[in-house]
Amino acid sequence: MAFVTTKFDDATSFKVAYHSQITNAVTSNLTDGAGSLFSVKIENTNNAAVYIKIANAFTATSGTTPPDWIFSCPASSTYTYEIPNGVAFKALSVWANENAAESDNTTPSVSGQEAVKVTLLTG
């Protein structure tokens, strides 16, 4: 499954982007342009840590493009990273790896009912 991005009604400009099984396949220009990143939630039922990597770029390549932000989540955990006042971006490209190194291209190892889910709140 790919990221699904939902915009709230016209009362606010927030968008929620959700991926139910993120891998090392990059989703480029996730929000279709500029905005602010306010929150990153990672649900990791996997038996290994996972690293969500986000580049402030229209396109990216896992293992080649240096991410601007790396968010970690230990095995069998849920972490939410809040960014007060948000951080501005021109575009978001997002992927996940099993290791923190920028050069890592290893997809998170999941099996059976394990999953790595990511929810981003942008505006």
Protein backbone atom coordinates (compact mmCIF):
# COMPACT_ATOMS: atom_id res chain seq x y z
CA MET A 1 0.00 0.00 0.00
CA ALA A 2 1.16 3.53 -0.73
CA PHE A 3 0.71 6.67 1.31
CA VAL A 4 -2.86 7.94 1.44
CA THR A 5 -3.07 11.71 1.97
CA THR A 6 -6.29 13.26 3.25
CA LYS A 7 -6.94 17.00 3.38
CA PHE A 8 -9.32 18.33 6.00
CA ASP A 9 -12.22 20.49 4.88
CA ASP A 10 -11.72 24.13 3.96
CA ALA A 11 -11.75 25.19 7.63
CA THR A 12 -8.10 24.22 8.02
CA SER A 13 -5.18 23.42 5.76
CA PHE A 14 -3.90 20.36 7.65
CA LYS A 15 -3.24 17.10 5.81
CA VAL A 16 -2.81 13.62 7.25
CA ALA A 17 -0.63 11.19 5.29
CA TYR A 18 -0.80 7.52 6.33
CA HIS A 19 1.10 4.45 5.15
CA SER A 20 0.15 1.02 6.54
CA GLN A 21 3.36 -0.79 5.50
CA ILE A 22 6.21 1.58 4.64
CA THR A 23 9.35 0.16 3.00
CA ASN A 24 12.52 1.51 1.43
CA ALA A 25 10.52 2.47 -1.68
CA VAL A 26 10.50 6.29 -1.65
CA THR A 27 7.24 8.19 -1.85
CA SER A 28 8.26 11.43 -3.57
CA ASN A 29 6.56 14.82 -3.15
CA LEU A 30 4.11 13.28 -0.68
CA THR A 31 2.06 16.41 -0.02
CA ASP A 32 2.23 17.75 -3.57
CA GLY A 33 4.19 20.85 -2.63
CA ALA A 34 5.29 23.06 0.23
CA GLY A 35 4.01 23.17 3.79
CA SER A 36 5.00 22.51 7.39
CA LEU A 37 5.61 19.19 9.14
CA PHE A 38 4.01 19.03 12.59
CA SER A 39 4.04 15.39 13.65
CA VAL A 40 5.45 11.97 12.75
CA LYS A 41 3.86 8.87 14.32
CA ILE A 42 5.52 5.47 13.85
CA GLU A 43 3.79 2.21 14.79
CA ASN A 44 6.37 -0.57 14.67
CA THR A 45 5.09 -4.08 15.40
CA ASN A 46 8.25 -5.42 13.77
CA ASN A 47 10.83 -7.28 15.91
CA ALA A 48 13.57 -4.83 14.87
CA ALA A 49 14.02 -1.08 15.07
CA VAL A 50 13.00 1.06 12.08
CA TYR A 51 14.12 4.46 10.82
CA ILE A 52 11.76 6.77 8.95
CA LYS A 53 13.72 9.08 6.68
CA ILE A 54 12.34 12.28 5.23
CA ALA A 55 14.01 14.50 2.66
CA ASN A 56 13.01 18.09 2.00
CA ALA A 57 13.05 17.33 -1.73
CA PHE A 58 10.68 16.67 -4.62
CA THR A 59 12.40 13.33 -5.29
CA ALA A 60 14.77 11.07 -3.39
CA THR A 61 16.54 7.73 -3.64
CA SER A 62 16.81 5.43 -0.63
CA GLY A 63 20.46 4.93 0.28
CA THR A 64 21.63 7.84 -1.90
CA THR A 65 19.67 10.98 -0.96
CA PRO A 66 20.67 12.28 2.48
CA PRO A 67 17.52 12.68 4.57
CA ASP A 68 16.89 15.99 6.32
CA TRP A 69 15.18 14.20 9.21
CA ILE A 70 15.52 10.67 10.60
CA PHE A 71 12.97 9.40 13.13
CA SER A 72 13.64 6.12 14.96
CA CYS A 73 11.27 3.66 16.55
CA PRO A 74 12.41 0.61 18.53
CA ALA A 75 10.97 -2.85 17.93
CA SER A 76 7.40 -3.45 19.12
CA SER A 77 6.85 0.24 19.91
CA THR A 78 4.84 3.28 18.94
CA TYR A 79 6.53 6.69 18.96
CA THR A 80 5.08 10.08 18.12
CA TYR A 81 7.38 12.98 17.38
CA GLU A 82 5.73 16.38 17.79
CA ILE A 83 7.28 19.42 16.15
CA PRO A 84 5.98 22.57 17.91
CA ASN A 85 5.19 25.31 15.38
CA GLY A 86 6.17 22.85 12.62
CA VAL A 87 9.15 22.88 10.30
CA ALA A 88 8.80 24.29 6.80
CA PHE A 89 9.45 22.15 3.72
CA LYS A 90 9.28 22.62 -0.04
CA ALA A 91 8.31 18.97 -0.64
CA LEU A 92 8.46 15.74 1.37
CA SER A 93 9.96 12.49 0.14
CA VAL A 94 9.61 9.67 2.67
CA TRP A 95 10.95 6.11 3.09
CA ALA A 96 11.99 3.63 5.79
CA ASN A 97 15.16 1.67 6.43
CA GLU A 98 16.28 -0.87 8.98
CA ASN A 99 19.43 1.11 9.82
CA ALA A 100 20.06 4.77 10.62
CA ALA A 101 23.00 5.30 8.26
CA GLU A 102 22.18 7.67 5.41
CA SER A 103 23.65 5.18 2.94
CA ASP A 104 21.43 2.32 4.17
CA ASN A 105 18.95 0.96 1.63
CA THR A 106 17.72 -2.04 3.68
CA THR A 107 13.96 -2.32 3.78
CA PRO A 108 12.56 -2.98 7.27
CA SER A 109 12.28 -6.73 7.77
CA VAL A 110 8.68 -7.63 8.49
CA SER A 111 7.03 -11.01 8.47
CA GLY A 112 3.64 -12.45 9.25
CA GLN A 113 1.45 -9.85 10.94
CA GLU A 114 4.30 -7.40 11.59
CA ALA A 115 3.99 -3.93 10.14
CA VAL A 116 5.61 -0.51 10.10
CA LYS A 117 2.93 2.18 9.91
CA VAL A 118 3.61 5.90 9.54
CA THR A 119 1.30 8.89 9.96
CA LEU A 120 2.45 12.43 9.11
CA LEU A 121 0.55 15.60 10.02
CA THR A 122 1.36 18.50 7.71
CA GLY A 123 -0.09 21.88 6.99
